[in-house]
Amino acid sequence: MKRGPSVSSPGWHPDAVVNQREFAIERLFHWTISQVLALGIYSLANGNSYFSIGPVINVGKYTVIEAVQDVVAALFELRDEYIRFPETVAETTASIGTFQD
């Protein structure tokens, strides 16, 4: 993919950034939900930068960013369904007992 002019170049315009982002979003729409989920989880689990993960999977930085944002948004929506914190001392004690040394 050809990159547009940089911010410091005379031909730079804010629309160039918007157009790159729209291209990434459009490309992401061609992915299956499983592919977006896999890319998002891989990125979160790996801990590397978006820039270094993209070439490993043969996608651009903005595609990785969009996938991570989609996965995090979905996990955030489901948080109350799957994440529960103990509210009483008895629940806290029982929860602590589930961990092993």
PDB file of N, CA and C in Angstrom:
ATOM      1  N   MET A   1       0.839  -1.171   0.000  1.00  0.00           N
ATOM      2  CA  MET A   1       0.000   0.000   0.000  1.00  0.00           C
ATOM      3  C   MET A   1       0.886   1.236   0.000  1.00  0.00           C
ATOM      4  N   LYS A   2       0.600   2.151  -0.876  1.00  0.00           N
ATOM      5  CA  LYS A   2       1.377   3.375  -0.961  1.00  0.00           C
ATOM      6  C   LYS A   2       0.958   4.308   0.175  1.00  0.00           C
ATOM      7  N   ARG A   3       1.945   4.854   0.843  1.00  0.00           N
ATOM      8  CA  ARG A   3       1.658   5.788   1.929  1.00  0.00           C
ATOM      9  C   ARG A   3       1.548   7.199   1.364  1.00  0.00           C
ATOM     10  N   GLY A   4       0.700   7.990   1.974  1.00  0.00           N
ATOM     11  CA  GLY A   4       0.547   9.383   1.579  1.00  0.00           C
ATOM     12  C   GLY A   4       1.673  10.232   2.137  1.00  0.00           C
ATOM     13  N   PRO A   5       1.612  11.518   1.887  1.00  0.00           N
ATOM     14  CA  PRO A   5       2.663  12.394   2.380  1.00  0.00           C
ATOM     15  C   PRO A   5       2.672  12.448   3.899  1.00  0.00           C
ATOM     16  N   SER A   6       3.854  12.687   4.466  1.00  0.00           N
ATOM     17  CA  SER A   6       3.956  12.767   5.916  1.00  0.00           C
ATOM     18  C   SER A   6       3.481  14.141   6.379  1.00  0.00           C
ATOM     19  N   VAL A   7       3.298  14.264   7.690  1.00  0.00           N
ATOM     20  CA  VAL A   7       2.805  15.513   8.273  1.00  0.00           C
ATOM     21  C   VAL A   7       3.730  16.676   7.932  1.00  0.00           C
ATOM     22  N   SER A   8       5.025  16.414   7.850  1.00  0.00           N
ATOM     23  CA  SER A   8       5.985  17.489   7.603  1.00  0.00           C
ATOM     24  C   SER A   8       6.124  17.851   6.127  1.00  0.00           C
ATOM     25  N   SER A   9       5.554  17.048   5.239  1.00  0.00           N
ATOM     26  CA  SER A   9       5.721  17.339   3.815  1.00  0.00           C
ATOM     27  C   SER A   9       4.727  18.412   3.369  1.00  0.00           C
ATOM     28  N   PRO A  10       5.069  19.155   2.305  1.00  0.00           N
ATOM     29  CA  PRO A  10       4.204  20.249   1.853  1.00  0.00           C
ATOM     30  C   PRO A  10       2.828  19.781   1.383  1.00  0.00           C
ATOM     31  N   GLY A  11       2.721  18.547   0.895  1.00  0.00           N
ATOM     32  CA  GLY A  11       1.447  18.060   0.381  1.00  0.00           C
ATOM     33  C   GLY A  11       0.547  17.433   1.425  1.00  0.00           C
ATOM     34  N   TRP A  12       0.933  17.492   2.697  1.00  0.00           N
ATOM     35  CA  TRP A  12       0.152  16.835   3.746  1.00  0.00           C
ATOM     36  C   TRP A  12      -1.150  17.569   3.984  1.00  0.00           C
ATOM     37  N   HIS A  13      -2.182  16.785   4.232  1.00  0.00           N
ATOM     38  CA  HIS A  13      -3.498  17.353   4.549  1.00  0.00           C
ATOM     39  C   HIS A  13      -4.179  16.422   5.541  1.00  0.00           C
ATOM     40  N   PRO A  14      -4.952  16.963   6.503  1.00  0.00           N
ATOM     41  CA  PRO A  14      -5.618  16.096   7.490  1.00  0.00           C
ATOM     42  C   PRO A  14      -6.495  15.020   6.866  1.00  0.00           C
ATOM     43  N   ASP A  15      -7.048  15.284   5.688  1.00  0.00           N
ATOM     44  CA  ASP A  15      -7.892  14.287   5.029  1.00  0.00           C
ATOM     45  C   ASP A  15      -7.118  13.031   4.674  1.00  0.00           C
ATOM     46  N   ALA A  16      -5.799  13.159   4.500  1.00  0.00           N
ATOM     47  CA  ALA A  16      -4.982  11.983   4.184  1.00  0.00           C
ATOM     48  C   ALA A  16      -5.047  10.978   5.319  1.00  0.00           C
ATOM     49  N   VAL A  17      -5.041  11.463   6.565  1.00  0.00           N
ATOM     50  CA  VAL A  17      -5.127  10.580   7.722  1.00  0.00           C
ATOM     51  C   VAL A  17      -6.500   9.929   7.770  1.00  0.00           C
ATOM     52  N   VAL A  18      -7.548  10.712   7.522  1.00  0.00           N
ATOM     53  CA  VAL A  18      -8.909  10.178   7.530  1.00  0.00           C
ATOM     54  C   VAL A  18      -9.051   9.122   6.446  1.00  0.00           C
ATOM     55  N   ASN A  19      -8.508   9.378   5.266  1.00  0.00           N
ATOM     56  CA  ASN A  19      -8.617   8.410   4.169  1.00  0.00           C
ATOM     57  C   ASN A  19      -7.899   7.106   4.498  1.00  0.00           C
ATOM     58  N   GLN A  20      -6.734   7.173   5.167  1.00  0.00           N
ATOM     59  CA  GLN A  20      -6.023   5.954   5.556  1.00  0.00           C
ATOM     60  C   GLN A  20      -6.864   5.162   6.547  1.00  0.00           C
ATOM     61  N   ARG A  21      -7.493   5.853   7.502  1.00  0.00           N
ATOM     62  CA  ARG A  21      -8.325   5.178   8.500  1.00  0.00           C
ATOM     63  C   ARG A  21      -9.547   4.539   7.838  1.00  0.00           C
ATOM     64  N   GLU A  22     -10.173   5.249   6.920  1.00  0.00           N
ATOM     65  CA  GLU A  22     -11.328   4.685   6.211  1.00  0.00           C
ATOM     66  C   GLU A  22     -10.921   3.455   5.419  1.00  0.00           C
ATOM     67  N   PHE A  23      -9.735   3.471   4.822  1.00  0.00           N
ATOM     68  CA  PHE A  23      -9.249   2.313   4.083  1.00  0.00           C
ATOM     69  C   PHE A  23      -9.084   1.114   5.018  1.00  0.00           C
ATOM     70  N   ALA A  24      -8.538   1.364   6.217  1.00  0.00           N
ATOM     71  CA  ALA A  24      -8.343   0.272   7.176  1.00  0.00           C
ATOM     72  C   ALA A  24      -9.685  -0.299   7.611  1.00  0.00           C
ATOM     73  N   ILE A  25     -10.650   0.576   7.881  1.00  0.00           N
ATOM     74  CA  ILE A  25     -11.971   0.107   8.302  1.00  0.00           C
ATOM     75  C   ILE A  25     -12.638  -0.683   7.181  1.00  0.00           C
ATOM     76  N   GLU A  26     -12.528  -0.184   5.964  1.00  0.00           N
ATOM     77  CA  GLU A  26     -13.128  -0.877   4.826  1.00  0.00           C
ATOM     78  C   GLU A  26     -12.503  -2.255   4.645  1.00  0.00           C
ATOM     79  N   ARG A  27     -11.198  -2.343   4.808  1.00  0.00           N
ATOM     80  CA  ARG A  27     -10.509  -3.634   4.661  1.00  0.00           C
ATOM     81  C   ARG A  27     -10.927  -4.594   5.763  1.00  0.00           C
ATOM     82  N   LEU A  28     -11.140  -4.068   6.965  1.00  0.00           N
ATOM     83  CA  LEU A  28     -11.526  -4.905   8.095  1.00  0.00           C
ATOM     84  C   LEU A  28     -12.908  -5.510   7.882  1.00  0.00           C
ATOM     85  N   PHE A  29     -13.780  -4.808   7.157  1.00  0.00           N
ATOM     86  CA  PHE A  29     -15.127  -5.325   6.917  1.00  0.00           C
ATOM     87  C   PHE A  29     -15.111  -6.602   6.080  1.00  0.00           C
ATOM     88  N   HIS A  30     -14.032  -6.845   5.370  1.00  0.00           N
ATOM     89  CA  HIS A  30     -13.930  -8.049   4.546  1.00  0.00           C
ATOM     90  C   HIS A  30     -13.464  -9.259   5.356  1.00  0.00           C
ATOM     91  N   TRP A  31     -13.188  -9.059   6.620  1.00  0.00           N
ATOM     92  CA  TRP A  31     -12.733 -10.127   7.495  1.00  0.00           C
ATOM     93  C   TRP A  31     -13.918 -10.780   8.171  1.00  0.00           C
ATOM     94  N   THR A  32     -13.770 -12.057   8.500  1.00  0.00           N
ATOM     95  CA  THR A  32     -14.805 -12.735   9.277  1.00  0.00           C
ATOM     96  C   THR A  32     -14.660 -12.326  10.746  1.00  0.00           C
ATOM     97  N   ILE A  33     -15.692 -12.551  11.509  1.00  0.00           N
ATOM     98  CA  ILE A  33     -15.643 -12.242  12.939  1.00  0.00           C
ATOM     99  C   ILE A  33     -14.526 -13.038  13.606  1.00  0.00           C
ATOM    100  N   SER A  34     -14.346 -14.277  13.201  1.00  0.00           N
ATOM    101  CA  SER A  34     -13.282 -15.114  13.772  1.00  0.00           C
ATOM    102  C   SER A  34     -11.898 -14.531  13.494  1.00  0.00           C
ATOM    103  N   GLN A  35     -11.692 -13.996  12.309  1.00  0.00           N
ATOM    104  CA  GLN A  35     -10.403 -13.414  11.961  1.00  0.00           C
ATOM    105  C   GLN A  35     -10.132 -12.147  12.772  1.00  0.00           C
ATOM    106  N   VAL A  36     -11.147 -11.303  12.919  1.00  0.00           N
ATOM    107  CA  VAL A  36     -10.991 -10.078  13.706  1.00  0.00           C
ATOM    108  C   VAL A  36     -10.709 -10.432  15.158  1.00  0.00           C
ATOM    109  N   LEU A  37     -11.446 -11.419  15.694  1.00  0.00           N
ATOM    110  CA  LEU A  37     -11.245 -11.850  17.074  1.00  0.00           C
ATOM    111  C   LEU A  37      -9.836 -12.407  17.268  1.00  0.00           C
ATOM    112  N   ALA A  38      -9.391 -13.236  16.346  1.00  0.00           N
ATOM    113  CA  ALA A  38      -8.048 -13.817  16.447  1.00  0.00           C
ATOM    114  C   ALA A  38      -6.976 -12.728  16.402  1.00  0.00           C
ATOM    115  N   LEU A  39      -7.113 -11.781  15.492  1.00  0.00           N
ATOM    116  CA  LEU A  39      -6.141 -10.693  15.381  1.00  0.00           C
ATOM    117  C   LEU A  39      -6.155  -9.836  16.643  1.00  0.00           C
ATOM    118  N   GLY A  40      -7.338  -9.521  17.153  1.00  0.00           N
ATOM    119  CA  GLY A  40      -7.446  -8.708  18.362  1.00  0.00           C
ATOM    120  C   GLY A  40      -6.862  -9.393  19.578  1.00  0.00           C
ATOM    121  N   ILE A  41      -7.171 -10.660  19.764  1.00  0.00           N
ATOM    122  CA  ILE A  41      -6.651 -11.399  20.919  1.00  0.00           C
ATOM    123  C   ILE A  41      -5.140 -11.595  20.785  1.00  0.00           C
ATOM    124  N   TYR A  42      -4.671 -11.902  19.590  1.00  0.00           N
ATOM    125  CA  TYR A  42      -3.229 -12.055  19.374  1.00  0.00           C
ATOM    126  C   TYR A  42      -2.504 -10.761  19.744  1.00  0.00           C
ATOM    127  N   SER A  43      -3.054  -9.644  19.322  1.00  0.00           N
ATOM    128  CA  SER A  43      -2.425  -8.355  19.605  1.00  0.00           C
ATOM    129  C   SER A  43      -2.410  -8.048  21.092  1.00  0.00           C
ATOM    130  N   LEU A  44      -3.520  -8.321  21.766  1.00  0.00           N
ATOM    131  CA  LEU A  44      -3.586  -8.066  23.209  1.00  0.00           C
ATOM    132  C   LEU A  44      -2.649  -8.999  23.976  1.00  0.00           C
ATOM    133  N   ALA A  45      -2.588 -10.246  23.566  1.00  0.00           N
ATOM    134  CA  ALA A  45      -1.764 -11.230  24.272  1.00  0.00           C
ATOM    135  C   ALA A  45      -0.276 -11.045  23.990  1.00  0.00           C
ATOM    136  N   ASN A  46       0.049 -10.573  22.804  1.00  0.00           N
ATOM    137  CA  ASN A  46       1.443 -10.457  22.398  1.00  0.00           C
ATOM    138  C   ASN A  46       2.159  -9.313  23.093  1.00  0.00           C
ATOM    139  N   GLY A  47       1.507  -8.192  23.225  1.00  0.00           N
ATOM    140  CA  GLY A  47       2.115  -7.050  23.899  1.00  0.00           C
ATOM    141  C   GLY A  47       3.020  -6.206  23.020  1.00  0.00           C
ATOM    142  N   ASN A  48       3.217  -6.596  21.777  1.00  0.00           N
ATOM    143  CA  ASN A  48       4.028  -5.784  20.866  1.00  0.00           C
ATOM    144  C   ASN A  48       3.210  -4.606  20.351  1.00  0.00           C
ATOM    145  N   SER A  49       3.867  -3.708  19.668  1.00  0.00           N
ATOM    146  CA  SER A  49       3.182  -2.544  19.115  1.00  0.00           C
ATOM    147  C   SER A  49       2.343  -2.952  17.908  1.00  0.00           C
ATOM    148  N   TYR A  50       1.372  -2.111  17.593  1.00  0.00           N
ATOM    149  CA  TYR A  50       0.541  -2.357  16.415  1.00  0.00           C
ATOM    150  C   TYR A  50       1.406  -2.410  15.164  1.00  0.00           C
ATOM    151  N   PHE A  51       2.413  -1.573  15.131  1.00  0.00           N
ATOM    152  CA  PHE A  51       3.287  -1.486  13.964  1.00  0.00           C
ATOM    153  C   PHE A  51       4.069  -2.773  13.740  1.00  0.00           C
ATOM    154  N   SER A  52       4.510  -3.431  14.826  1.00  0.00           N
ATOM    155  CA  SER A  52       5.303  -4.648  14.665  1.00  0.00           C
ATOM    156  C   SER A  52       4.435  -5.884  14.455  1.00  0.00           C
ATOM    157  N   ILE A  53       3.190  -5.857  14.907  1.00  0.00           N
ATOM    158  CA  ILE A  53       2.304  -7.006  14.732  1.00  0.00           C
ATOM    159  C   ILE A  53       1.776  -7.080  13.302  1.00  0.00           C
ATOM    160  N   GLY A  54       1.496  -5.935  12.694  1.00  0.00           N
ATOM    161  CA  GLY A  54       0.927  -5.900  11.339  1.00  0.00           C
ATOM    162  C   GLY A  54       1.683  -6.739  10.325  1.00  0.00           C
ATOM    163  N   PRO A  55       2.998  -6.556  10.179  1.00  0.00           N
ATOM    164  CA  PRO A  55       3.734  -7.336   9.183  1.00  0.00           C
ATOM    165  C   PRO A  55       3.742  -8.840   9.459  1.00  0.00           C
ATOM    166  N   VAL A  56       3.656  -9.233  10.723  1.00  0.00           N
ATOM    167  CA  VAL A  56       3.637 -10.661  11.061  1.00  0.00           C
ATOM    168  C   VAL A  56       2.403 -11.325  10.470  1.00  0.00           C
ATOM    169  N   ILE A  57       1.292 -10.604  10.495  1.00  0.00           N
ATOM    170  CA  ILE A  57       0.024 -11.163  10.016  1.00  0.00           C
ATOM    171  C   ILE A  57      -0.306 -10.640   8.618  1.00  0.00           C
ATOM    172  N   ASN A  58       0.574  -9.812   8.077  1.00  0.00           N
ATOM    173  CA  ASN A  58       0.420  -9.233   6.741  1.00  0.00           C
ATOM    174  C   ASN A  58      -0.778  -8.286   6.658  1.00  0.00           C
ATOM    175  N   VAL A  59      -0.913  -7.435   7.675  1.00  0.00           N
ATOM    176  CA  VAL A  59      -1.935  -6.393   7.669  1.00  0.00           C
ATOM    177  C   VAL A  59      -1.288  -5.085   8.108  1.00  0.00           C
ATOM    178  N   GLY A  60      -1.981  -4.002   7.890  1.00  0.00           N
ATOM    179  CA  GLY A  60      -1.476  -2.699   8.287  1.00  0.00           C
ATOM    180  C   GLY A  60      -1.738  -2.392   9.751  1.00  0.00           C
ATOM    181  N   LYS A  61      -1.050  -1.370  10.222  1.00  0.00           N
ATOM    182  CA  LYS A  61      -1.172  -0.952  11.618  1.00  0.00           C
ATOM    183  C   LYS A  61      -2.619  -0.576  11.947  1.00  0.00           C
ATOM    184  N   TYR A  62      -3.288   0.129  11.053  1.00  0.00           N
ATOM    185  CA  TYR A  62      -4.654   0.570  11.323  1.00  0.00           C
ATOM    186  C   TYR A  62      -5.632  -0.602  11.379  1.00  0.00           C
ATOM    187  N   THR A  63      -5.365  -1.642  10.616  1.00  0.00           N
ATOM    188  CA  THR A  63      -6.200  -2.844  10.674  1.00  0.00           C
ATOM    189  C   THR A  63      -6.068  -3.507  12.032  1.00  0.00           C
ATOM    190  N   VAL A  64      -4.847  -3.566  12.556  1.00  0.00           N
ATOM    191  CA  VAL A  64      -4.616  -4.139  13.884  1.00  0.00           C
ATOM    192  C   VAL A  64      -5.328  -3.297  14.939  1.00  0.00           C
ATOM    193  N   ILE A  65      -5.201  -1.990  14.838  1.00  0.00           N
ATOM    194  CA  ILE A  65      -5.852  -1.091  15.800  1.00  0.00           C
ATOM    195  C   ILE A  65      -7.365  -1.310  15.793  1.00  0.00           C
ATOM    196  N   GLU A  66      -7.962  -1.364  14.622  1.00  0.00           N
ATOM    197  CA  GLU A  66      -9.414  -1.561  14.523  1.00  0.00           C
ATOM    198  C   GLU A  66      -9.835  -2.895  15.123  1.00  0.00           C
ATOM    199  N   ALA A  67      -9.077  -3.943  14.866  1.00  0.00           N
ATOM    200  CA  ALA A  67      -9.408  -5.258  15.411  1.00  0.00           C
ATOM    201  C   ALA A  67      -9.333  -5.242  16.934  1.00  0.00           C
ATOM    202  N   VAL A  68      -8.284  -4.637  17.478  1.00  0.00           N
ATOM    203  CA  VAL A  68      -8.141  -4.565  18.936  1.00  0.00           C
ATOM    204  C   VAL A  68      -9.286  -3.756  19.538  1.00  0.00           C
ATOM    205  N   GLN A  69      -9.615  -2.638  18.924  1.00  0.00           N
ATOM    206  CA  GLN A  69     -10.712  -1.812  19.441  1.00  0.00           C
ATOM    207  C   GLN A  69     -12.044  -2.571  19.400  1.00  0.00           C
ATOM    208  N   ASP A  70     -12.283  -3.323  18.347  1.00  0.00           N
ATOM    209  CA  ASP A  70     -13.522  -4.112  18.250  1.00  0.00           C
ATOM    210  C   ASP A  70     -13.578  -5.185  19.328  1.00  0.00           C
ATOM    211  N   VAL A  71     -12.471  -5.881  19.543  1.00  0.00           N
ATOM    212  CA  VAL A  71     -12.429  -6.956  20.540  1.00  0.00           C
ATOM    213  C   VAL A  71     -12.598  -6.383  21.944  1.00  0.00           C
ATOM    214  N   VAL A  72     -11.894  -5.301  22.238  1.00  0.00           N
ATOM    215  CA  VAL A  72     -12.006  -4.694  23.569  1.00  0.00           C
ATOM    216  C   VAL A  72     -13.424  -4.183  23.811  1.00  0.00           C
ATOM    217  N   ALA A  73     -14.044  -3.587  22.807  1.00  0.00           N
ATOM    218  CA  ALA A  73     -15.426  -3.104  22.945  1.00  0.00           C
ATOM    219  C   ALA A  73     -16.379  -4.268  23.218  1.00  0.00           C
ATOM    220  N   ALA A  74     -16.191  -5.385  22.523  1.00  0.00           N
ATOM    221  CA  ALA A  74     -17.050  -6.553  22.739  1.00  0.00           C
ATOM    222  C   ALA A  74     -16.848  -7.129  24.139  1.00  0.00           C
ATOM    223  N   LEU A  75     -15.598  -7.230  24.566  1.00  0.00           N
ATOM    224  CA  LEU A  75     -15.325  -7.736  25.918  1.00  0.00           C
ATOM    225  C   LEU A  75     -15.907  -6.806  26.977  1.00  0.00           C
ATOM    226  N   PHE A  76     -15.831  -5.517  26.735  1.00  0.00           N
ATOM    227  CA  PHE A  76     -16.383  -4.552  27.685  1.00  0.00           C
ATOM    228  C   PHE A  76     -17.898  -4.697  27.804  1.00  0.00           C
ATOM    229  N   GLU A  77     -18.571  -4.935  26.684  1.00  0.00           N
ATOM    230  CA  GLU A  77     -20.019  -5.125  26.700  1.00  0.00           C
ATOM    231  C   GLU A  77     -20.414  -6.383  27.475  1.00  0.00           C
ATOM    232  N   LEU A  78     -19.573  -7.408  27.448  1.00  0.00           N
ATOM    233  CA  LEU A  78     -19.885  -8.687  28.096  1.00  0.00           C
ATOM    234  C   LEU A  78     -19.330  -8.797  29.513  1.00  0.00           C
ATOM    235  N   ARG A  79     -18.700  -7.749  30.004  1.00  0.00           N
ATOM    236  CA  ARG A  79     -17.999  -7.829  31.295  1.00  0.00           C
ATOM    237  C   ARG A  79     -18.910  -8.238  32.447  1.00  0.00           C
ATOM    238  N   ASP A  80     -20.115  -7.696  32.514  1.00  0.00           N
ATOM    239  CA  ASP A  80     -21.001  -8.015  33.633  1.00  0.00           C
ATOM    240  C   ASP A  80     -21.498  -9.459  33.580  1.00  0.00           C
ATOM    241  N   GLU A  81     -21.515 -10.021  32.390  1.00  0.00           N
ATOM    242  CA  GLU A  81     -21.983 -11.395  32.219  1.00  0.00           C
ATOM    243  C   GLU A  81     -20.927 -12.419  32.632  1.00  0.00           C
ATOM    244  N   TYR A  82     -19.655 -12.074  32.437  1.00  0.00           N
ATOM    245  CA  TYR A  82     -18.586 -13.050  32.657  1.00  0.00           C
ATOM    246  C   TYR A  82     -17.616 -12.713  33.778  1.00  0.00           C
ATOM    247  N   ILE A  83     -17.591 -11.471  34.222  1.00  0.00           N
ATOM    248  CA  ILE A  83     -16.674 -11.083  35.294  1.00  0.00           C
ATOM    249  C   ILE A  83     -17.497 -10.710  36.520  1.00  0.00           C
ATOM    250  N   ARG A  84     -17.240 -11.402  37.591  1.00  0.00           N
ATOM    251  CA  ARG A  84     -17.978 -11.143  38.824  1.00  0.00           C
ATOM    252  C   ARG A  84     -16.989 -11.046  39.970  1.00  0.00           C
ATOM    253  N   PHE A  85     -17.072  -9.988  40.714  1.00  0.00           N
ATOM    254  CA  PHE A  85     -16.201  -9.795  41.854  1.00  0.00           C
ATOM    255  C   PHE A  85     -16.943 -10.186  43.127  1.00  0.00           C
ATOM    256  N   PRO A  86     -16.256 -10.789  44.099  1.00  0.00           N
ATOM    257  CA  PRO A  86     -16.905 -11.150  45.357  1.00  0.00           C
ATOM    258  C   PRO A  86     -17.379  -9.898  46.090  1.00  0.00           C
ATOM    259  N   GLU A  87     -18.551 -10.021  46.713  1.00  0.00           N
ATOM    260  CA  GLU A  87     -19.129  -8.873  47.409  1.00  0.00           C
ATOM    261  C   GLU A  87     -19.124  -9.041  48.926  1.00  0.00           C
ATOM    262  N   THR A  88     -18.997 -10.259  49.401  1.00  0.00           N
ATOM    263  CA  THR A  88     -18.994 -10.488  50.846  1.00  0.00           C
ATOM    264  C   THR A  88     -17.666 -11.127  51.246  1.00  0.00           C
ATOM    265  N   VAL A  89     -17.423 -11.168  52.539  1.00  0.00           N
ATOM    266  CA  VAL A  89     -16.201 -11.792  53.053  1.00  0.00           C
ATOM    267  C   VAL A  89     -16.193 -13.278  52.718  1.00  0.00           C
ATOM    268  N   ALA A  90     -17.350 -13.928  52.841  1.00  0.00           N
ATOM    269  CA  ALA A  90     -17.434 -15.359  52.531  1.00  0.00           C
ATOM    270  C   ALA A  90     -17.121 -15.629  51.058  1.00  0.00           C
ATOM    271  N   GLU A  91     -17.643 -14.799  50.157  1.00  0.00           N
ATOM    272  CA  GLU A  91     -17.366 -14.962  48.731  1.00  0.00           C
ATOM    273  C   GLU A  91     -15.882 -14.714  48.438  1.00  0.00           C
ATOM    274  N   THR A  92     -15.305 -13.719  49.107  1.00  0.00           N
ATOM    275  CA  THR A  92     -13.881 -13.422  48.924  1.00  0.00           C
ATOM    276  C   THR A  92     -13.017 -14.586  49.393  1.00  0.00           C
ATOM    277  N   THR A  93     -13.354 -15.148  50.544  1.00  0.00           N
ATOM    278  CA  THR A  93     -12.610 -16.286  51.090  1.00  0.00           C
ATOM    279  C   THR A  93     -12.724 -17.488  50.152  1.00  0.00           C
ATOM    280  N   ALA A  94     -13.927 -17.744  49.660  1.00  0.00           N
ATOM    281  CA  ALA A  94     -14.134 -18.866  48.734  1.00  0.00           C
ATOM    282  C   ALA A  94     -13.341 -18.643  47.440  1.00  0.00           C
ATOM    283  N   SER A  95     -13.315 -17.408  46.958  1.00  0.00           N
ATOM    284  CA  SER A  95     -12.581 -17.085  45.728  1.00  0.00           C
ATOM    285  C   SER A  95     -11.083 -17.278  45.938  1.00  0.00           C
ATOM    286  N   ILE A  96     -10.569 -16.817  47.066  1.00  0.00           N
ATOM    287  CA  ILE A  96      -9.144 -16.984  47.373  1.00  0.00           C
ATOM    288  C   ILE A  96      -8.781 -18.467  47.447  1.00  0.00           C
ATOM    289  N   GLY A  97      -9.693 -19.278  47.954  1.00  0.00           N
ATOM    290  CA  GLY A  97      -9.452 -20.717  48.077  1.00  0.00           C
ATOM    291  C   GLY A  97      -9.323 -21.449  46.745  1.00  0.00           C
ATOM    292  N   THR A  98      -9.785 -20.815  45.656  1.00  0.00           N
ATOM    293  CA  THR A  98      -9.698 -21.446  44.328  1.00  0.00           C
ATOM    294  C   THR A  98      -8.310 -21.325  43.724  1.00  0.00           C
ATOM    295  N   PHE A  99      -7.475 -20.437  44.252  1.00  0.00           N
ATOM    296  CA  PHE A  99      -6.128 -20.258  43.733  1.00  0.00           C
ATOM    297  C   PHE A  99      -5.171 -21.220  44.405  1.00  0.00           C
ATOM    298  N   GLN A 100      -4.201 -21.686  43.627  1.00  0.00           N
ATOM    299  CA  GLN A 100      -3.200 -22.597  44.168  1.00  0.00           C
ATOM    300  C   GLN A 100      -1.853 -21.896  44.207  1.00  0.00           C
ATOM    301  N   ASP A 101      -0.996 -22.342  45.131  1.00  0.00           N
ATOM    302  CA  ASP A 101       0.354 -21.759  45.212  1.00  0.00           C
ATOM    303  C   ASP A 101       1.207 -22.198  44.071  1.00  0.00           C
TER     304      ASP A 101
END
